[in-house]
mmCIF file of all heavy atoms, coordinates in Angstrom:
data_MODEL
# 
_entry.id   MODEL 
# 
loop_
_atom_site.group_PDB 
_atom_site.id 
_atom_site.type_symbol 
_atom_site.label_atom_id 
_atom_site.label_alt_id 
_atom_site.label_comp_id 
_atom_site.label_asym_id 
_atom_site.label_entity_id 
_atom_site.label_seq_id 
_atom_site.pdbx_PDB_ins_code 
_atom_site.Cartn_x 
_atom_site.Cartn_y 
_atom_site.Cartn_z 
_atom_site.occupancy 
_atom_site.B_iso_or_equiv 
_atom_site.pdbx_formal_charge 
_atom_site.auth_seq_id 
_atom_site.auth_comp_id 
_atom_site.auth_asym_id 
_atom_site.auth_atom_id 
_atom_site.pdbx_PDB_model_num 
ATOM 1   N N   . TYR A 1 1  ? 99.299  95.004  90.856 1.00 0.00 ? 1  TYR A N   1 
ATOM 2   C CA  . TYR A 1 1  ? 98.621  93.694  90.584 1.00 0.00 ? 1  TYR A CA  1 
ATOM 3   C C   . TYR A 1 1  ? 99.243  92.679  91.544 1.00 0.00 ? 1  TYR A C   1 
ATOM 4   O O   . TYR A 1 1  ? 100.439 92.605  91.693 1.00 0.00 ? 1  TYR A O   1 
ATOM 5   C CB  . TYR A 1 1  ? 98.884  93.298  89.140 1.00 0.00 ? 1  TYR A CB  1 
ATOM 6   C CG  . TYR A 1 1  ? 98.291  91.942  88.792 1.00 0.00 ? 1  TYR A CG  1 
ATOM 7   C CD1 . TYR A 1 1  ? 96.919  91.793  88.616 1.00 0.00 ? 1  TYR A CD1 1 
ATOM 8   C CD2 . TYR A 1 1  ? 99.070  90.836  88.673 1.00 0.00 ? 1  TYR A CD2 1 
ATOM 9   C CE1 . TYR A 1 1  ? 96.329  90.545  88.346 1.00 0.00 ? 1  TYR A CE1 1 
ATOM 10  C CE2 . TYR A 1 1  ? 98.589  89.588  88.394 1.00 0.00 ? 1  TYR A CE2 1 
ATOM 11  C CZ  . TYR A 1 1  ? 97.145  89.486  88.208 1.00 0.00 ? 1  TYR A CZ  1 
ATOM 12  O OH  . TYR A 1 1  ? 96.641  88.263  87.888 1.00 0.00 ? 1  TYR A OH  1 
ATOM 13  N N   . SER A 1 2  ? 98.415  91.950  92.225 1.00 0.00 ? 2  SER A N   1 
ATOM 14  C CA  . SER A 1 2  ? 98.900  90.874  93.137 1.00 0.00 ? 2  SER A CA  1 
ATOM 15  C C   . SER A 1 2  ? 98.961  89.585  92.409 1.00 0.00 ? 2  SER A C   1 
ATOM 16  O O   . SER A 1 2  ? 97.969  89.085  91.845 1.00 0.00 ? 2  SER A O   1 
ATOM 17  C CB  . SER A 1 2  ? 97.967  90.775  94.355 1.00 0.00 ? 2  SER A CB  1 
ATOM 18  O OG  . SER A 1 2  ? 97.970  92.011  95.087 1.00 0.00 ? 2  SER A OG  1 
ATOM 19  N N   . LEU A 1 3  ? 100.150 88.959  92.382 1.00 0.00 ? 3  LEU A N   1 
ATOM 20  C CA  . LEU A 1 3  ? 100.377 87.699  91.747 1.00 0.00 ? 3  LEU A CA  1 
ATOM 21  C C   . LEU A 1 3  ? 99.900  86.580  92.708 1.00 0.00 ? 3  LEU A C   1 
ATOM 22  O O   . LEU A 1 3  ? 99.814  86.769  93.879 1.00 0.00 ? 3  LEU A O   1 
ATOM 23  C CB  . LEU A 1 3  ? 101.879 87.536  91.479 1.00 0.00 ? 3  LEU A CB  1 
ATOM 24  C CG  . LEU A 1 3  ? 102.455 88.539  90.487 1.00 0.00 ? 3  LEU A CG  1 
ATOM 25  C CD1 . LEU A 1 3  ? 103.960 88.427  90.413 1.00 0.00 ? 3  LEU A CD1 1 
ATOM 26  C CD2 . LEU A 1 3  ? 101.836 88.347  89.086 1.00 0.00 ? 3  LEU A CD2 1 
ATOM 27  N N   . PRO A 1 4  ? 99.640  85.415  92.111 1.00 0.00 ? 4  PRO A N   1 
ATOM 28  C CA  . PRO A 1 4  ? 99.179  84.287  92.965 1.00 0.00 ? 4  PRO A CA  1 
ATOM 29  C C   . PRO A 1 4  ? 100.106 83.910  94.099 1.00 0.00 ? 4  PRO A C   1 
ATOM 30  O O   . PRO A 1 4  ? 99.675  83.422  95.100 1.00 0.00 ? 4  PRO A O   1 
ATOM 31  C CB  . PRO A 1 4  ? 99.034  83.171  91.928 1.00 0.00 ? 4  PRO A CB  1 
ATOM 32  C CG  . PRO A 1 4  ? 98.825  83.827  90.637 1.00 0.00 ? 4  PRO A CG  1 
ATOM 33  C CD  . PRO A 1 4  ? 99.592  85.115  90.694 1.00 0.00 ? 4  PRO A CD  1 
ATOM 34  N N   . ASP A 1 5  ? 101.418 84.167  93.831 1.00 0.00 ? 5  ASP A N   1 
ATOM 35  C CA  . ASP A 1 5  ? 102.365 83.796  94.915 1.00 0.00 ? 5  ASP A CA  1 
ATOM 36  C C   . ASP A 1 5  ? 102.482 84.897  96.002 1.00 0.00 ? 5  ASP A C   1 
ATOM 37  O O   . ASP A 1 5  ? 103.329 84.785  96.875 1.00 0.00 ? 5  ASP A O   1 
ATOM 38  C CB  . ASP A 1 5  ? 103.714 83.477  94.343 1.00 0.00 ? 5  ASP A CB  1 
ATOM 39  C CG  . ASP A 1 5  ? 104.385 84.687  93.643 1.00 0.00 ? 5  ASP A CG  1 
ATOM 40  O OD1 . ASP A 1 5  ? 103.817 85.776  93.745 1.00 0.00 ? 5  ASP A OD1 1 
ATOM 41  O OD2 . ASP A 1 5  ? 105.474 84.506  93.048 1.00 0.00 ? 5  ASP A OD2 1 
ATOM 42  N N   . GLY A 1 6  ? 101.675 85.922  95.930 1.00 0.00 ? 6  GLY A N   1 
ATOM 43  C CA  . GLY A 1 6  ? 101.632 86.962  96.940 1.00 0.00 ? 6  GLY A CA  1 
ATOM 44  C C   . GLY A 1 6  ? 102.474 88.202  96.604 1.00 0.00 ? 6  GLY A C   1 
ATOM 45  O O   . GLY A 1 6  ? 102.384 89.240  97.296 1.00 0.00 ? 6  GLY A O   1 
ATOM 46  N N   . ARG A 1 7  ? 103.327 88.135  95.570 1.00 0.00 ? 7  ARG A N   1 
ATOM 47  C CA  . ARG A 1 7  ? 104.106 89.301  95.192 1.00 0.00 ? 7  ARG A CA  1 
ATOM 48  C C   . ARG A 1 7  ? 103.150 90.370  94.571 1.00 0.00 ? 7  ARG A C   1 
ATOM 49  O O   . ARG A 1 7  ? 102.203 90.014  93.934 1.00 0.00 ? 7  ARG A O   1 
ATOM 50  C CB  . ARG A 1 7  ? 105.188 88.939  94.172 1.00 0.00 ? 7  ARG A CB  1 
ATOM 51  C CG  . ARG A 1 7  ? 106.331 88.065  94.812 1.00 0.00 ? 7  ARG A CG  1 
ATOM 52  C CD  . ARG A 1 7  ? 107.372 87.798  93.769 1.00 0.00 ? 7  ARG A CD  1 
ATOM 53  N NE  . ARG A 1 7  ? 106.774 86.918  92.729 1.00 0.00 ? 7  ARG A NE  1 
ATOM 54  C CZ  . ARG A 1 7  ? 107.160 86.856  91.459 1.00 0.00 ? 7  ARG A CZ  1 
ATOM 55  N NH1 . ARG A 1 7  ? 108.083 87.681  91.015 1.00 0.00 ? 7  ARG A NH1 1 
ATOM 56  N NH2 . ARG A 1 7  ? 106.597 86.061  90.592 1.00 0.00 ? 7  ARG A NH2 1 
ATOM 57  N N   . THR A 1 8  ? 103.541 91.588  94.734 1.00 0.00 ? 8  THR A N   1 
ATOM 58  C CA  . THR A 1 8  ? 102.784 92.695  94.123 1.00 0.00 ? 8  THR A CA  1 
ATOM 59  C C   . THR A 1 8  ? 103.676 93.367  93.082 1.00 0.00 ? 8  THR A C   1 
ATOM 60  O O   . THR A 1 8  ? 104.841 93.651  93.333 1.00 0.00 ? 8  THR A O   1 
ATOM 61  C CB  . THR A 1 8  ? 102.421 93.733  95.180 1.00 0.00 ? 8  THR A CB  1 
ATOM 62  O OG1 . THR A 1 8  ? 101.641 93.060  96.172 1.00 0.00 ? 8  THR A OG1 1 
ATOM 63  C CG2 . THR A 1 8  ? 101.592 94.864  94.635 1.00 0.00 ? 8  THR A CG2 1 
ATOM 64  N N   . VAL A 1 9  ? 103.108 93.574  91.925 1.00 0.00 ? 9  VAL A N   1 
ATOM 65  C CA  . VAL A 1 9  ? 103.819 94.155  90.805 1.00 0.00 ? 9  VAL A CA  1 
ATOM 66  C C   . VAL A 1 9  ? 103.197 95.492  90.467 1.00 0.00 ? 9  VAL A C   1 
ATOM 67  O O   . VAL A 1 9  ? 101.963 95.617  90.272 1.00 0.00 ? 9  VAL A O   1 
ATOM 68  C CB  . VAL A 1 9  ? 103.785 93.258  89.507 1.00 0.00 ? 9  VAL A CB  1 
ATOM 69  C CG1 . VAL A 1 9  ? 104.499 93.904  88.372 1.00 0.00 ? 9  VAL A CG1 1 
ATOM 70  C CG2 . VAL A 1 9  ? 104.364 91.907  89.871 1.00 0.00 ? 9  VAL A CG2 1 
ATOM 71  N N   . ALA A 1 10 ? 103.962 96.523  90.460 1.00 0.00 ? 10 ALA A N   1 
ATOM 72  C CA  . ALA A 1 10 ? 103.490 97.839  90.038 1.00 0.00 ? 10 ALA A CA  1 
ATOM 73  C C   . ALA A 1 10 ? 103.685 98.047  88.548 1.00 0.00 ? 10 ALA A C   1 
ATOM 74  O O   . ALA A 1 10 ? 104.652 97.544  87.957 1.00 0.00 ? 10 ALA A O   1 
ATOM 75  C CB  . ALA A 1 10 ? 104.269 98.947  90.765 1.00 0.00 ? 10 ALA A CB  1 
ATOM 76  N N   . HIS A 1 11 ? 102.723 98.684  87.913 1.00 0.00 ? 11 HIS A N   1 
ATOM 77  C CA  . HIS A 1 11 ? 102.791 98.890  86.436 1.00 0.00 ? 11 HIS A CA  1 
ATOM 78  C C   . HIS A 1 11 ? 101.991 100.140 86.066 1.00 0.00 ? 11 HIS A C   1 
ATOM 79  O O   . HIS A 1 11 ? 101.163 100.624 86.867 1.00 0.00 ? 11 HIS A O   1 
ATOM 80  C CB  . HIS A 1 11 ? 102.303 97.679  85.647 1.00 0.00 ? 11 HIS A CB  1 
ATOM 81  C CG  . HIS A 1 11 ? 100.875 97.322  85.871 1.00 0.00 ? 11 HIS A CG  1 
ATOM 82  N ND1 . HIS A 1 11 ? 99.867  97.822  85.095 1.00 0.00 ? 11 HIS A ND1 1 
ATOM 83  C CD2 . HIS A 1 11 ? 100.278 96.523  86.840 1.00 0.00 ? 11 HIS A CD2 1 
ATOM 84  C CE1 . HIS A 1 11 ? 98.701  97.332  85.562 1.00 0.00 ? 11 HIS A CE1 1 
ATOM 85  N NE2 . HIS A 1 11 ? 98.952  96.550  86.588 1.00 0.00 ? 11 HIS A NE2 1 
ATOM 86  N N   . LEU A 1 12 ? 102.238 100.653 84.895 1.00 0.00 ? 12 LEU A N   1 
ATOM 87  C CA  . LEU A 1 12 ? 101.535 101.776 84.357 1.00 0.00 ? 12 LEU A CA  1 
ATOM 88  C C   . LEU A 1 12 ? 100.144 101.368 83.872 1.00 0.00 ? 12 LEU A C   1 
ATOM 89  O O   . LEU A 1 12 ? 99.942  100.309 83.348 1.00 0.00 ? 12 LEU A O   1 
ATOM 90  C CB  . LEU A 1 12 ? 102.281 102.446 83.159 1.00 0.00 ? 12 LEU A CB  1 
ATOM 91  C CG  . LEU A 1 12 ? 103.584 103.085 83.495 1.00 0.00 ? 12 LEU A CG  1 
ATOM 92  C CD1 . LEU A 1 12 ? 104.281 103.535 82.170 1.00 0.00 ? 12 LEU A CD1 1 
ATOM 93  C CD2 . LEU A 1 12 ? 103.358 104.299 84.364 1.00 0.00 ? 12 LEU A CD2 1 
ATOM 94  N N   . CYS A 1 13 ? 99.189  102.298 84.090 1.00 0.00 ? 13 CYS A N   1 
ATOM 95  C CA  . CYS A 1 13 ? 97.884  102.118 83.535 1.00 0.00 ? 13 CYS A CA  1 
ATOM 96  C C   . CYS A 1 13 ? 97.995  102.387 82.043 1.00 0.00 ? 13 CYS A C   1 
ATOM 97  O O   . CYS A 1 13 ? 99.000  102.799 81.534 1.00 0.00 ? 13 CYS A O   1 
ATOM 98  C CB  . CYS A 1 13 ? 96.886  103.096 84.160 1.00 0.00 ? 13 CYS A CB  1 
ATOM 99  S SG  . CYS A 1 13 ? 96.560  102.828 85.890 1.00 0.00 ? 13 CYS A SG  1 
ATOM 100 N N   . ARG A 1 14 ? 96.947  102.108 81.315 1.00 0.00 ? 14 ARG A N   1 
ATOM 101 C CA  . ARG A 1 14 ? 96.945  102.329 79.883 1.00 0.00 ? 14 ARG A CA  1 
ATOM 102 C C   . ARG A 1 14 ? 96.990  103.836 79.568 1.00 0.00 ? 14 ARG A C   1 
ATOM 103 O O   . ARG A 1 14 ? 96.354  104.647 80.176 1.00 0.00 ? 14 ARG A O   1 
ATOM 104 C CB  . ARG A 1 14 ? 95.669  101.747 79.273 1.00 0.00 ? 14 ARG A CB  1 
ATOM 105 C CG  . ARG A 1 14 ? 95.599  101.826 77.808 1.00 0.00 ? 14 ARG A CG  1 
ATOM 106 C CD  . ARG A 1 14 ? 94.384  101.080 77.278 1.00 0.00 ? 14 ARG A CD  1 
ATOM 107 N NE  . ARG A 1 14 ? 94.283  101.233 75.871 1.00 0.00 ? 14 ARG A NE  1 
ATOM 108 C CZ  . ARG A 1 14 ? 93.311  100.821 75.151 1.00 0.00 ? 14 ARG A CZ  1 
ATOM 109 N NH1 . ARG A 1 14 ? 92.294  100.146 75.682 1.00 0.00 ? 14 ARG A NH1 1 
ATOM 110 N NH2 . ARG A 1 14 ? 93.288  100.994 73.847 1.00 0.00 ? 14 ARG A NH2 1 
ATOM 111 N N   . ARG A 1 15 ? 97.799  104.204 78.541 1.00 0.00 ? 15 ARG A N   1 
ATOM 112 C CA  . ARG A 1 15 ? 97.884  105.555 78.075 1.00 0.00 ? 15 ARG A CA  1 
ATOM 113 C C   . ARG A 1 15 ? 96.910  105.679 76.886 1.00 0.00 ? 15 ARG A C   1 
ATOM 114 O O   . ARG A 1 15 ? 97.062  104.971 75.863 1.00 0.00 ? 15 ARG A O   1 
ATOM 115 C CB  . ARG A 1 15 ? 99.252  105.889 77.593 1.00 0.00 ? 15 ARG A CB  1 
ATOM 116 C CG  . ARG A 1 15 ? 99.357  107.321 77.008 1.00 0.00 ? 15 ARG A CG  1 
ATOM 117 C CD  . ARG A 1 15 ? 100.757 107.596 76.512 1.00 0.00 ? 15 ARG A CD  1 
ATOM 118 N NE  . ARG A 1 15 ? 100.827 108.959 75.977 1.00 0.00 ? 15 ARG A NE  1 
ATOM 119 C CZ  . ARG A 1 15 ? 100.792 109.234 74.636 1.00 0.00 ? 15 ARG A CZ  1 
ATOM 120 N NH1 . ARG A 1 15 ? 100.721 108.211 73.786 1.00 0.00 ? 15 ARG A NH1 1 
ATOM 121 N NH2 . ARG A 1 15 ? 100.852 110.456 74.211 1.00 0.00 ? 15 ARG A NH2 1 
ATOM 122 N N   . PHE A 1 16 ? 95.935  106.591 77.023 1.00 0.00 ? 16 PHE A N   1 
ATOM 123 C CA  . PHE A 1 16 ? 95.065  106.814 75.866 1.00 0.00 ? 16 PHE A CA  1 
ATOM 124 C C   . PHE A 1 16 ? 95.587  107.964 75.076 1.00 0.00 ? 16 PHE A C   1 
ATOM 125 O O   . PHE A 1 16 ? 96.043  108.979 75.630 1.00 0.00 ? 16 PHE A O   1 
ATOM 126 C CB  . PHE A 1 16 ? 93.613  107.164 76.438 1.00 0.00 ? 16 PHE A CB  1 
ATOM 127 C CG  . PHE A 1 16 ? 92.985  105.929 77.007 1.00 0.00 ? 16 PHE A CG  1 
ATOM 128 C CD1 . PHE A 1 16 ? 92.988  105.740 78.378 1.00 0.00 ? 16 PHE A CD1 1 
ATOM 129 C CD2 . PHE A 1 16 ? 92.316  105.037 76.241 1.00 0.00 ? 16 PHE A CD2 1 
ATOM 130 C CE1 . PHE A 1 16 ? 92.428  104.654 78.997 1.00 0.00 ? 16 PHE A CE1 1 
ATOM 131 C CE2 . PHE A 1 16 ? 91.751  103.932 76.783 1.00 0.00 ? 16 PHE A CE2 1 
ATOM 132 C CZ  . PHE A 1 16 ? 91.773  103.711 78.139 1.00 0.00 ? 16 PHE A CZ  1 
ATOM 133 N N   . LEU A 1 17 ? 95.592  107.846 73.773 1.00 0.00 ? 17 LEU A N   1 
ATOM 134 C CA  . LEU A 1 17 ? 96.066  108.870 72.899 1.00 0.00 ? 17 LEU A CA  1 
ATOM 135 C C   . LEU A 1 17 ? 95.165  110.066 72.880 1.00 0.00 ? 17 LEU A C   1 
ATOM 136 O O   . LEU A 1 17 ? 93.956  109.908 72.950 1.00 0.00 ? 17 LEU A O   1 
ATOM 137 C CB  . LEU A 1 17 ? 96.202  108.328 71.467 1.00 0.00 ? 17 LEU A CB  1 
ATOM 138 C CG  . LEU A 1 17 ? 97.248  107.186 71.256 1.00 0.00 ? 17 LEU A CG  1 
ATOM 139 C CD1 . LEU A 1 17 ? 97.207  106.703 69.804 1.00 0.00 ? 17 LEU A CD1 1 
ATOM 140 C CD2 . LEU A 1 17 ? 98.606  107.666 71.619 1.00 0.00 ? 17 LEU A CD2 1 
ATOM 141 N N   . PRO A 1 18 ? 95.731  111.264 72.873 1.00 0.00 ? 18 PRO A N   1 
ATOM 142 C CA  . PRO A 1 18 ? 94.892  112.446 72.782 1.00 0.00 ? 18 PRO A CA  1 
ATOM 143 C C   . PRO A 1 18 ? 94.235  112.570 71.455 1.00 0.00 ? 18 PRO A C   1 
ATOM 144 O O   . PRO A 1 18 ? 94.730  112.020 70.447 1.00 0.00 ? 18 PRO A O   1 
ATOM 145 C CB  . PRO A 1 18 ? 95.816  113.575 73.041 1.00 0.00 ? 18 PRO A CB  1 
ATOM 146 C CG  . PRO A 1 18 ? 97.170  113.070 72.585 1.00 0.00 ? 18 PRO A CG  1 
ATOM 147 C CD  . PRO A 1 18 ? 97.154  111.618 72.856 1.00 0.00 ? 18 PRO A CD  1 
ATOM 148 N N   . ARG A 1 19 ? 93.146  113.273 71.362 1.00 0.00 ? 19 ARG A N   1 
ATOM 149 C CA  . ARG A 1 19 ? 92.495  113.548 70.114 1.00 0.00 ? 19 ARG A CA  1 
ATOM 150 C C   . ARG A 1 19 ? 93.230  114.732 69.445 1.00 0.00 ? 19 ARG A C   1 
ATOM 151 O O   . ARG A 1 19 ? 93.228  115.785 70.025 1.00 0.00 ? 19 ARG A O   1 
ATOM 152 C CB  . ARG A 1 19 ? 91.022  113.864 70.325 1.00 0.00 ? 19 ARG A CB  1 
ATOM 153 C CG  . ARG A 1 19 ? 90.210  112.650 70.876 1.00 0.00 ? 19 ARG A CG  1 
ATOM 154 C CD  . ARG A 1 19 ? 88.859  113.025 71.257 1.00 0.00 ? 19 ARG A CD  1 
ATOM 155 N NE  . ARG A 1 19 ? 88.272  113.880 70.222 1.00 0.00 ? 19 ARG A NE  1 
ATOM 156 C CZ  . ARG A 1 19 ? 87.067  113.727 69.730 1.00 0.00 ? 19 ARG A CZ  1 
ATOM 157 N NH1 . ARG A 1 19 ? 86.279  112.778 70.205 1.00 0.00 ? 19 ARG A NH1 1 
ATOM 158 N NH2 . ARG A 1 19 ? 86.594  114.564 68.794 1.00 0.00 ? 19 ARG A NH2 1 
ATOM 159 N N   . PRO A 1 20 ? 93.856  114.547 68.294 1.00 0.00 ? 20 PRO A N   1 
ATOM 160 C CA  . PRO A 1 20 ? 94.632  115.589 67.669 1.00 0.00 ? 20 PRO A CA  1 
ATOM 161 C C   . PRO A 1 20 ? 93.851  116.903 67.515 1.00 0.00 ? 20 PRO A C   1 
ATOM 162 O O   . PRO A 1 20 ? 94.440  117.979 67.660 1.00 0.00 ? 20 PRO A O   1 
ATOM 163 C CB  . PRO A 1 20 ? 95.019  115.035 66.322 1.00 0.00 ? 20 PRO A CB  1 
ATOM 164 C CG  . PRO A 1 20 ? 95.046  113.542 66.527 1.00 0.00 ? 20 PRO A CG  1 
ATOM 165 C CD  . PRO A 1 20 ? 93.900  113.284 67.519 1.00 0.00 ? 20 PRO A CD  1 
ATOM 166 N N   . GLU A 1 21 ? 92.593  116.843 67.167 1.00 0.00 ? 21 GLU A N   1 
ATOM 167 C CA  . GLU A 1 21 ? 91.816  118.040 66.977 1.00 0.00 ? 21 GLU A CA  1 
ATOM 168 C C   . GLU A 1 21 ? 91.599  118.829 68.263 1.00 0.00 ? 21 GLU A C   1 
ATOM 169 O O   . GLU A 1 21 ? 91.192  119.975 68.245 1.00 0.00 ? 21 GLU A O   1 
ATOM 170 C CB  . GLU A 1 21 ? 90.461  117.724 66.328 1.00 0.00 ? 21 GLU A CB  1 
ATOM 171 C CG  . GLU A 1 21 ? 89.553  116.828 67.134 1.00 0.00 ? 21 GLU A CG  1 
ATOM 172 C CD  . GLU A 1 21 ? 89.811  115.304 66.923 1.00 0.00 ? 21 GLU A CD  1 
ATOM 173 O OE1 . GLU A 1 21 ? 90.833  114.935 66.255 1.00 0.00 ? 21 GLU A OE1 1 
ATOM 174 O OE2 . GLU A 1 21 ? 89.003  114.534 67.429 1.00 0.00 ? 21 GLU A OE2 1 
ATOM 175 N N   . GLU A 1 22 ? 91.910  118.268 69.399 1.00 0.00 ? 22 GLU A N   1 
ATOM 176 C CA  . GLU A 1 22 ? 91.795  118.921 70.713 1.00 0.00 ? 22 GLU A CA  1 
ATOM 177 C C   . GLU A 1 22 ? 93.125  119.497 71.130 1.00 0.00 ? 22 GLU A C   1 
ATOM 178 O O   . GLU A 1 22 ? 93.183  120.171 72.168 1.00 0.00 ? 22 GLU A O   1 
ATOM 179 C CB  . GLU A 1 22 ? 91.211  118.001 71.758 1.00 0.00 ? 22 GLU A CB  1 
ATOM 180 C CG  . GLU A 1 22 ? 89.772  117.639 71.477 1.00 0.00 ? 22 GLU A CG  1 
ATOM 181 C CD  . GLU A 1 22 ? 89.207  116.627 72.432 1.00 0.00 ? 22 GLU A CD  1 
ATOM 182 O OE1 . GLU A 1 22 ? 89.935  116.189 73.357 1.00 0.00 ? 22 GLU A OE1 1 
ATOM 183 O OE2 . GLU A 1 22 ? 88.011  116.324 72.311 1.00 0.00 ? 22 GLU A OE2 1 
ATOM 184 N N   . LEU A 1 23 ? 94.196  119.277 70.415 1.00 0.00 ? 23 LEU A N   1 
ATOM 185 C CA  . LEU A 1 23 ? 95.497  119.786 70.751 1.00 0.00 ? 23 LEU A CA  1 
ATOM 186 C C   . LEU A 1 23 ? 95.695  121.213 70.125 1.00 0.00 ? 23 LEU A C   1 
ATOM 187 O O   . LEU A 1 23 ? 95.336  121.389 68.989 1.00 0.00 ? 23 LEU A O   1 
ATOM 188 C CB  . LEU A 1 23 ? 96.633  118.851 70.294 1.00 0.00 ? 23 LEU A CB  1 
ATOM 189 C CG  . LEU A 1 23 ? 96.616  117.432 70.905 1.00 0.00 ? 23 LEU A CG  1 
ATOM 190 C CD1 . LEU A 1 23 ? 97.682  116.560 70.170 1.00 0.00 ? 23 LEU A CD1 1 
ATOM 191 C CD2 . LEU A 1 23 ? 96.824  117.501 72.380 1.00 0.00 ? 23 LEU A CD2 1 
ATOM 192 N N   . THR A 1 24 ? 96.251  122.072 70.881 1.00 0.00 ? 24 THR A N   1 
ATOM 193 C CA  . THR A 1 24 ? 96.434  123.475 70.366 1.00 0.00 ? 24 THR A CA  1 
ATOM 194 C C   . THR A 1 24 ? 97.638  123.459 69.421 1.00 0.00 ? 24 THR A C   1 
ATOM 195 O O   . THR A 1 24 ? 98.726  123.219 69.774 1.00 0.00 ? 24 THR A O   1 
ATOM 196 C CB  . THR A 1 24 ? 96.690  124.396 71.537 1.00 0.00 ? 24 THR A CB  1 
ATOM 197 O OG1 . THR A 1 24 ? 95.590  124.351 72.436 1.00 0.00 ? 24 THR A OG1 1 
ATOM 198 C CG2 . THR A 1 24 ? 96.855  125.846 71.044 1.00 0.00 ? 24 THR A CG2 1 
ATOM 199 N N   . ALA A 1 25 ? 97.363  123.842 68.185 1.00 0.00 ? 25 ALA A N   1 
ATOM 200 C CA  . ALA A 1 25 ? 98.356  123.916 67.175 1.00 0.00 ? 25 ALA A CA  1 
ATOM 201 C C   . ALA A 1 25 ? 99.212  125.150 67.402 1.00 0.00 ? 25 ALA A C   1 
ATOM 202 O O   . ALA A 1 25 ? 98.725  126.250 67.722 1.00 0.00 ? 25 ALA A O   1 
ATOM 203 C CB  . ALA A 1 25 ? 97.784  124.024 65.745 1.00 0.00 ? 25 ALA A CB  1 
ATOM 204 N N   . VAL A 1 26 ? 100.554 124.985 67.322 1.00 0.00 ? 26 VAL A N   1 
ATOM 205 C CA  . VAL A 1 26 ? 101.459 126.126 67.496 1.00 0.00 ? 26 VAL A CA  1 
ATOM 206 C C   . VAL A 1 26 ? 102.376 126.273 66.251 1.00 0.00 ? 26 VAL A C   1 
ATOM 207 O O   . VAL A 1 26 ? 103.211 127.160 66.217 1.00 0.00 ? 26 VAL A O   1 
ATOM 208 C CB  . VAL A 1 26 ? 102.307 125.947 68.788 1.00 0.00 ? 26 VAL A CB  1 
ATOM 209 C CG1 . VAL A 1 26 ? 101.446 126.044 69.999 1.00 0.00 ? 26 VAL A CG1 1 
ATOM 210 C CG2 . VAL A 1 26 ? 103.145 124.681 68.772 1.00 0.00 ? 26 VAL A CG2 1 
# 
């Protein structure tokens, strides 16, 4: 993301939770 003062900030995108029913039960 570029700030108004010209600095660039790196950050993580949003993490979406997995659907539990699609996870393999062990």
